[in-house]
């Protein structure tokens, strides 16, 4: 079926109107988390590792390039439209609530920004948001080197909220295959033995006294 330009423009206009209506100041406040006053919002995370390394035994750190994804529901953003899912660029992220996720054992991690910030978000008609970004993560790894170079190291990546307590925001892995390793990933000095995922609640005191 072929659509005339007028129909395409009409759909584009309807989508723009829909977003303006959803995000109007009298209906939506991006500073307030979804479901405030109720149970904690659950952020489901998954990672696709595109490259791994280098690993520094002297500094006890490792780095990796990955796609880091987060999924949650914001019922305030439910909508009815001819499209089930709206794909939005990084500018849309400035208009909606997003979790203040950080890596507890992270070092000098950064977001890729060439040619634009490498992140996007998809909004589904039931209020589900999927947020994806490309990161290079550098994280600390407590290494035991008594048998070096015949040792085995377990390098964690700990994810959590910087400001919200567990009563407001909870993180969990998005299924058993939440951490995927690309087939072409190789290491010069190590072999991947296993990837283990687990969930735990841990409160860390940050900053000064309140």
C-alpha atoms as a PDB file:
ATOM      1  CA  UNK A   1       0.000   0.000   0.000  1.00  0.00           C
ATOM      2  CA  UNK A   2       1.319   3.453  -0.921  1.00  0.00           C
ATOM      3  CA  UNK A   3       0.642   6.527   1.192  1.00  0.00           C
ATOM      4  CA  UNK A   4       0.415   9.964  -0.251  1.00  0.00           C
ATOM      5  CA  UNK A   5       2.663  12.710   1.159  1.00  0.00           C
ATOM      6  CA  UNK A   6      -0.365  14.312   2.783  1.00  0.00           C
ATOM      7  CA  UNK A   7      -1.062  11.148   4.802  1.00  0.00           C
ATOM      8  CA  UNK A   8       2.576  10.941   5.906  1.00  0.00           C
ATOM      9  CA  UNK A   9       2.530  14.570   7.000  1.00  0.00           C
ATOM     10  CA  UNK A  10      -0.728  13.953   8.846  1.00  0.00           C
ATOM     11  CA  UNK A  11       0.800  11.040  10.765  1.00  0.00           C
ATOM     12  CA  UNK A  12       3.890  13.091  11.582  1.00  0.00           C
ATOM     13  CA  UNK A  13       1.684  15.918  12.811  1.00  0.00           C
ATOM     14  CA  UNK A  14      -0.356  13.500  14.936  1.00  0.00           C
ATOM     15  CA  UNK A  15       2.820  12.061  16.516  1.00  0.00           C
ATOM     16  CA  UNK A  16       4.128  15.551  17.304  1.00  0.00           C
ATOM     17  CA  UNK A  17       0.787  16.489  18.863  1.00  0.00           C
ATOM     18  CA  UNK A  18       0.773  13.230  20.831  1.00  0.00           C
ATOM     19  CA  UNK A  19       4.220  13.900  22.324  1.00  0.00           C
ATOM     20  CA  UNK A  20       3.355  17.501  23.128  1.00  0.00           C
ATOM     21  CA  UNK A  21       0.235  16.303  24.929  1.00  0.00           C
ATOM     22  CA  UNK A  22       2.029  13.564  26.891  1.00  0.00           C
ATOM     23  CA  UNK A  23       4.821  15.882  28.010  1.00  0.00           C
ATOM     24  CA  UNK A  24       2.799  18.996  28.750  1.00  0.00           C
ATOM     25  CA  UNK A  25       3.869  20.625  32.020  1.00  0.00           C
ATOM     26  CA  UNK A  26       0.449  20.238  33.630  1.00  0.00           C
ATOM     27  CA  UNK A  27       0.512  16.452  33.086  1.00  0.00           C
ATOM     28  CA  UNK A  28       4.145  15.400  33.318  1.00  0.00           C
ATOM     29  CA  UNK A  29       7.013  16.282  35.637  1.00  0.00           C
ATOM     30  CA  UNK A  30      10.318  14.680  34.636  1.00  0.00           C
ATOM     31  CA  UNK A  31      11.768  15.335  38.105  1.00  0.00           C
ATOM     32  CA  UNK A  32       9.313  12.917  39.747  1.00  0.00           C
ATOM     33  CA  UNK A  33       9.912   9.202  39.367  1.00  0.00           C
ATOM     34  CA  UNK A  34       7.124   7.019  37.914  1.00  0.00           C
ATOM     35  CA  UNK A  35       4.775   5.619  40.541  1.00  0.00           C
ATOM     36  CA  UNK A  36       6.011   7.875  43.322  1.00  0.00           C
ATOM     37  CA  UNK A  37       4.404   6.997  46.652  1.00  0.00           C
ATOM     38  CA  UNK A  38       3.961   3.365  45.622  1.00  0.00           C
ATOM     39  CA  UNK A  39       6.329   0.402  45.304  1.00  0.00           C
ATOM     40  CA  UNK A  40       9.811   1.002  43.865  1.00  0.00           C
ATOM     41  CA  UNK A  41      10.188   1.289  40.112  1.00  0.00           C
ATOM     42  CA  UNK A  42      12.114  -1.664  38.658  1.00  0.00           C
ATOM     43  CA  UNK A  43      14.892  -0.943  36.143  1.00  0.00           C
ATOM     44  CA  UNK A  44      15.774  -4.008  34.063  1.00  0.00           C
ATOM     45  CA  UNK A  45      19.285  -3.884  32.633  1.00  0.00           C
ATOM     46  CA  UNK A  46      21.222  -5.804  30.014  1.00  0.00           C
ATOM     47  CA  UNK A  47      24.650  -5.425  28.410  1.00  0.00           C
ATOM     48  CA  UNK A  48      26.104  -6.476  25.086  1.00  0.00           C
ATOM     49  CA  UNK A  49      29.903  -6.487  25.280  1.00  0.00           C
ATOM     50  CA  UNK A  50      31.469  -5.457  21.972  1.00  0.00           C
ATOM     51  CA  UNK A  51      35.117  -5.508  23.040  1.00  0.00           C
ATOM     52  CA  UNK A  52      36.956  -6.272  26.260  1.00  0.00           C
ATOM     53  CA  UNK A  53      40.283  -4.937  27.486  1.00  0.00           C
ATOM     54  CA  UNK A  54      42.842  -3.869  28.193  1.00  0.00           C
ATOM     55  CA  UNK A  55      43.197  -5.355  31.660  1.00  0.00           C
ATOM     56  CA  UNK A  56      45.763  -3.758  33.963  1.00  0.00           C
ATOM     57  CA  UNK A  57      47.072  -5.971  36.758  1.00  0.00           C
ATOM     58  CA  UNK A  58      49.122  -3.104  38.229  1.00  0.00           C
ATOM     59  CA  UNK A  59      46.125  -0.746  38.488  1.00  0.00           C
ATOM     60  CA  UNK A  60      43.625  -3.557  39.072  1.00  0.00           C
ATOM     61  CA  UNK A  61      41.186  -2.248  36.478  1.00  0.00           C
ATOM     62  CA  UNK A  62      39.585  -3.499  33.281  1.00  0.00           C
ATOM     63  CA  UNK A  63      37.741  -1.779  30.449  1.00  0.00           C
ATOM     64  CA  UNK A  64      35.134  -2.771  27.893  1.00  0.00           C
ATOM     65  CA  UNK A  65      33.116  -1.258  25.080  1.00  0.00           C
ATOM     66  CA  UNK A  66      29.439  -2.163  25.344  1.00  0.00           C
ATOM     67  CA  UNK A  67      25.824  -1.387  24.623  1.00  0.00           C
ATOM     68  CA  UNK A  68      24.148  -0.752  27.978  1.00  0.00           C
ATOM     69  CA  UNK A  69      20.350  -0.952  27.994  1.00  0.00           C
ATOM     70  CA  UNK A  70      17.729  -0.139  30.621  1.00  0.00           C
ATOM     71  CA  UNK A  71      13.997  -0.893  30.545  1.00  0.00           C
ATOM     72  CA  UNK A  72      11.260   0.442  32.826  1.00  0.00           C
ATOM     73  CA  UNK A  73       7.611   1.531  32.808  1.00  0.00           C
ATOM     74  CA  UNK A  74       6.253   5.049  33.123  1.00  0.00           C
ATOM     75  CA  UNK A  75       2.455   4.771  33.110  1.00  0.00           C
ATOM     76  CA  UNK A  76       2.177   8.526  32.587  1.00  0.00           C
ATOM     77  CA  UNK A  77       3.404   7.990  29.027  1.00  0.00           C
ATOM     78  CA  UNK A  78       0.729   5.531  27.883  1.00  0.00           C
ATOM     79  CA  UNK A  79      -0.718   6.526  24.522  1.00  0.00           C
ATOM     80  CA  UNK A  80      -3.015   5.488  21.659  1.00  0.00           C
ATOM     81  CA  UNK A  81      -1.646   5.900  18.159  1.00  0.00           C
ATOM     82  CA  UNK A  82      -1.219   4.207  14.781  1.00  0.00           C
ATOM     83  CA  UNK A  83       2.286   3.287  15.982  1.00  0.00           C
ATOM     84  CA  UNK A  84       2.892   0.808  18.778  1.00  0.00           C
ATOM     85  CA  UNK A  85       6.456   2.002  19.416  1.00  0.00           C
ATOM     86  CA  UNK A  86       7.995   5.453  18.986  1.00  0.00           C
ATOM     87  CA  UNK A  87      11.773   5.593  18.448  1.00  0.00           C
ATOM     88  CA  UNK A  88      13.235   8.824  19.799  1.00  0.00           C
ATOM     89  CA  UNK A  89      16.716  10.332  19.678  1.00  0.00           C
ATOM     90  CA  UNK A  90      18.855  11.533  22.590  1.00  0.00           C
ATOM     91  CA  UNK A  91      17.096  14.920  22.789  1.00  0.00           C
ATOM     92  CA  UNK A  92      13.895  13.223  23.964  1.00  0.00           C
ATOM     93  CA  UNK A  93      15.784  12.014  27.046  1.00  0.00           C
ATOM     94  CA  UNK A  94      15.908  15.596  28.290  1.00  0.00           C
ATOM     95  CA  UNK A  95      12.099  15.645  28.528  1.00  0.00           C
ATOM     96  CA  UNK A  96      11.344  12.435  30.462  1.00  0.00           C
ATOM     97  CA  UNK A  97      12.355  10.881  33.752  1.00  0.00           C
ATOM     98  CA  UNK A  98      15.332   8.544  33.416  1.00  0.00           C
ATOM     99  CA  UNK A  99      17.107   6.595  36.169  1.00  0.00           C
ATOM    100  CA  UNK A 100      20.305   8.095  37.608  1.00  0.00           C
ATOM    101  CA  UNK A 101      22.238   4.900  36.952  1.00  0.00           C
ATOM    102  CA  UNK A 102      25.936   4.663  37.726  1.00  0.00           C
ATOM    103  CA  UNK A 103      28.578   1.963  38.126  1.00  0.00           C
ATOM    104  CA  UNK A 104      29.526   1.603  41.777  1.00  0.00           C
ATOM    105  CA  UNK A 105      32.994   0.275  40.966  1.00  0.00           C
ATOM    106  CA  UNK A 106      33.411   2.430  37.859  1.00  0.00           C
ATOM    107  CA  UNK A 107      36.482   4.536  37.142  1.00  0.00           C
ATOM    108  CA  UNK A 108      36.804   6.781  34.064  1.00  0.00           C
ATOM    109  CA  UNK A 109      33.837   5.502  32.034  1.00  0.00           C
ATOM    110  CA  UNK A 110      32.414   7.614  29.218  1.00  0.00           C
ATOM    111  CA  UNK A 111      29.638   7.827  26.641  1.00  0.00           C
ATOM    112  CA  UNK A 112      30.531   7.770  22.949  1.00  0.00           C
ATOM    113  CA  UNK A 113      29.531  11.066  21.305  1.00  0.00           C
ATOM    114  CA  UNK A 114      30.709  10.839  17.681  1.00  0.00           C
ATOM    115  CA  UNK A 115      28.975  12.128  15.632  1.00  0.00           C
ATOM    116  CA  UNK A 116      26.150  12.632  18.130  1.00  0.00           C
ATOM    117  CA  UNK A 117      25.653  11.168  21.631  1.00  0.00           C
ATOM    118  CA  UNK A 118      25.337   7.417  21.062  1.00  0.00           C
ATOM    119  CA  UNK A 119      22.069   6.867  22.871  1.00  0.00           C
ATOM    120  CA  UNK A 120      18.387   6.577  22.036  1.00  0.00           C
ATOM    121  CA  UNK A 121      15.103   5.611  23.657  1.00  0.00           C
ATOM    122  CA  UNK A 122      11.998   3.735  22.511  1.00  0.00           C
ATOM    123  CA  UNK A 123       8.566   4.440  23.981  1.00  0.00           C
ATOM    124  CA  UNK A 124       5.915   1.724  23.735  1.00  0.00           C
ATOM    125  CA  UNK A 125       2.193   2.481  23.895  1.00  0.00           C
ATOM    126  CA  UNK A 126       1.848   0.801  27.318  1.00  0.00           C
ATOM    127  CA  UNK A 127       4.383   3.209  28.844  1.00  0.00           C
ATOM    128  CA  UNK A 128       7.429   0.965  28.565  1.00  0.00           C
ATOM    129  CA  UNK A 129      10.709   2.790  27.897  1.00  0.00           C
ATOM    130  CA  UNK A 130      13.865   1.141  26.527  1.00  0.00           C
ATOM    131  CA  UNK A 131      16.979   3.263  26.861  1.00  0.00           C
ATOM    132  CA  UNK A 132      20.165   2.220  25.077  1.00  0.00           C
ATOM    133  CA  UNK A 133      23.615   3.804  25.031  1.00  0.00           C
ATOM    134  CA  UNK A 134      27.113   2.914  23.883  1.00  0.00           C
ATOM    135  CA  UNK A 135      29.676   3.148  26.673  1.00  0.00           C
ATOM    136  CA  UNK A 136      33.300   2.472  27.327  1.00  0.00           C
ATOM    137  CA  UNK A 137      33.396   1.295  30.919  1.00  0.00           C
ATOM    138  CA  UNK A 138      36.537   1.278  33.026  1.00  0.00           C
ATOM    139  CA  UNK A 139      35.983  -0.447  36.362  1.00  0.00           C
ATOM    140  CA  UNK A 140      38.002  -1.673  39.305  1.00  0.00           C
ATOM    141  CA  UNK A 141      38.682  -5.381  39.715  1.00  0.00           C
ATOM    142  CA  UNK A 142      40.038  -6.809  42.980  1.00  0.00           C
ATOM    143  CA  UNK A 143      42.719  -9.166  41.691  1.00  0.00           C
ATOM    144  CA  UNK A 144      44.484 -12.019  43.463  1.00  0.00           C
ATOM    145  CA  UNK A 145      47.887 -12.369  41.828  1.00  0.00           C
ATOM    146  CA  UNK A 146      49.675 -14.870  44.068  1.00  0.00           C
ATOM    147  CA  UNK A 147      49.652 -17.452  41.244  1.00  0.00           C
ATOM    148  CA  UNK A 148      50.208 -14.945  38.421  1.00  0.00           C
ATOM    149  CA  UNK A 149      50.173 -15.630  35.479  1.00  0.00           C
ATOM    150  CA  UNK A 150      48.297 -18.863  36.250  1.00  0.00           C
ATOM    151  CA  UNK A 151      45.502 -17.175  38.183  1.00  0.00           C
ATOM    152  CA  UNK A 152      41.770 -16.697  37.632  1.00  0.00           C
ATOM    153  CA  UNK A 153      40.172 -13.313  38.264  1.00  0.00           C
ATOM    154  CA  UNK A 154      36.531 -12.392  38.884  1.00  0.00           C
ATOM    155  CA  UNK A 155      35.927  -8.813  37.728  1.00  0.00           C
ATOM    156  CA  UNK A 156      32.545  -7.413  38.792  1.00  0.00           C
ATOM    157  CA  UNK A 157      30.418  -4.637  37.340  1.00  0.00           C
ATOM    158  CA  UNK A 158      28.076  -3.224  39.985  1.00  0.00           C
ATOM    159  CA  UNK A 159      25.078  -1.154  38.877  1.00  0.00           C
ATOM    160  CA  UNK A 160      22.832   1.024  40.992  1.00  0.00           C
ATOM    161  CA  UNK A 161      21.132   4.364  41.525  1.00  0.00           C
ATOM    162  CA  UNK A 162      23.237   7.282  42.697  1.00  0.00           C
ATOM    163  CA  UNK A 163      20.545   9.176  44.632  1.00  0.00           C
ATOM    164  CA  UNK A 164      17.447   6.993  44.999  1.00  0.00           C
ATOM    165  CA  UNK A 165      17.174   4.496  47.888  1.00  0.00           C
ATOM    166  CA  UNK A 166      15.970   0.945  47.275  1.00  0.00           C
ATOM    167  CA  UNK A 167      12.500   2.004  48.438  1.00  0.00           C
ATOM    168  CA  UNK A 168      12.215   4.077  45.247  1.00  0.00           C
ATOM    169  CA  UNK A 169      14.360   2.379  42.586  1.00  0.00           C
ATOM    170  CA  UNK A 170      15.445  -1.247  42.218  1.00  0.00           C
ATOM    171  CA  UNK A 171      17.732  -2.732  39.568  1.00  0.00           C
ATOM    172  CA  UNK A 172      17.568  -6.248  38.201  1.00  0.00           C
ATOM    173  CA  UNK A 173      19.088  -8.092  35.259  1.00  0.00           C
ATOM    174  CA  UNK A 174      16.770  -8.519  32.299  1.00  0.00           C
ATOM    175  CA  UNK A 175      16.679 -12.324  32.138  1.00  0.00           C
ATOM    176  CA  UNK A 176      19.294 -15.068  32.249  1.00  0.00           C
ATOM    177  CA  UNK A 177      21.025 -13.841  29.077  1.00  0.00           C
ATOM    178  CA  UNK A 178      21.200 -10.224  30.234  1.00  0.00           C
ATOM    179  CA  UNK A 179      24.951 -10.113  29.595  1.00  0.00           C
ATOM    180  CA  UNK A 180      25.984 -11.091  26.066  1.00  0.00           C
ATOM    181  CA  UNK A 181      29.476 -11.350  24.683  1.00  0.00           C
ATOM    182  CA  UNK A 182      30.026 -10.726  20.980  1.00  0.00           C
ATOM    183  CA  UNK A 183      31.501 -13.714  19.153  1.00  0.00           C
ATOM    184  CA  UNK A 184      34.497 -11.748  17.895  1.00  0.00           C
ATOM    185  CA  UNK A 185      35.667 -10.654  21.374  1.00  0.00           C
ATOM    186  CA  UNK A 186      39.146 -12.001  22.168  1.00  0.00           C
ATOM    187  CA  UNK A 187      41.665 -11.276  24.910  1.00  0.00           C
ATOM    188  CA  UNK A 188      45.423 -11.439  24.528  1.00  0.00           C
ATOM    189  CA  UNK A 189      46.319 -12.333  28.117  1.00  0.00           C
ATOM    190  CA  UNK A 190      43.140 -13.954  29.472  1.00  0.00           C
ATOM    191  CA  UNK A 191      40.366 -16.361  28.470  1.00  0.00           C
ATOM    192  CA  UNK A 192      36.728 -15.835  29.355  1.00  0.00           C
ATOM    193  CA  UNK A 193      35.650 -18.623  31.676  1.00  0.00           C
ATOM    194  CA  UNK A 194      32.156 -17.614  32.720  1.00  0.00           C
ATOM    195  CA  UNK A 195      29.718 -14.701  33.057  1.00  0.00           C
ATOM    196  CA  UNK A 196      27.619 -14.756  36.221  1.00  0.00           C
ATOM    197  CA  UNK A 197      24.768 -12.382  37.015  1.00  0.00           C
ATOM    198  CA  UNK A 198      23.257 -11.788  40.451  1.00  0.00           C
ATOM    199  CA  UNK A 199      21.051  -9.289  42.265  1.00  0.00           C
ATOM    200  CA  UNK A 200      21.643  -7.822  45.705  1.00  0.00           C
ATOM    201  CA  UNK A 201      20.623  -4.727  47.635  1.00  0.00           C
ATOM    202  CA  UNK A 202      23.535  -2.691  48.927  1.00  0.00           C
ATOM    203  CA  UNK A 203      23.345   0.848  50.334  1.00  0.00           C
ATOM    204  CA  UNK A 204      26.386   3.068  49.897  1.00  0.00           C
ATOM    205  CA  UNK A 205      26.765   6.415  51.649  1.00  0.00           C
ATOM    206  CA  UNK A 206      27.938   9.053  49.184  1.00  0.00           C
ATOM    207  CA  UNK A 207      28.764  12.723  49.645  1.00  0.00           C
ATOM    208  CA  UNK A 208      28.806  14.597  52.908  1.00  0.00           C
ATOM    209  CA  UNK A 209      26.330  14.861  55.759  1.00  0.00           C
ATOM    210  CA  UNK A 210      22.786  15.963  54.984  1.00  0.00           C
END
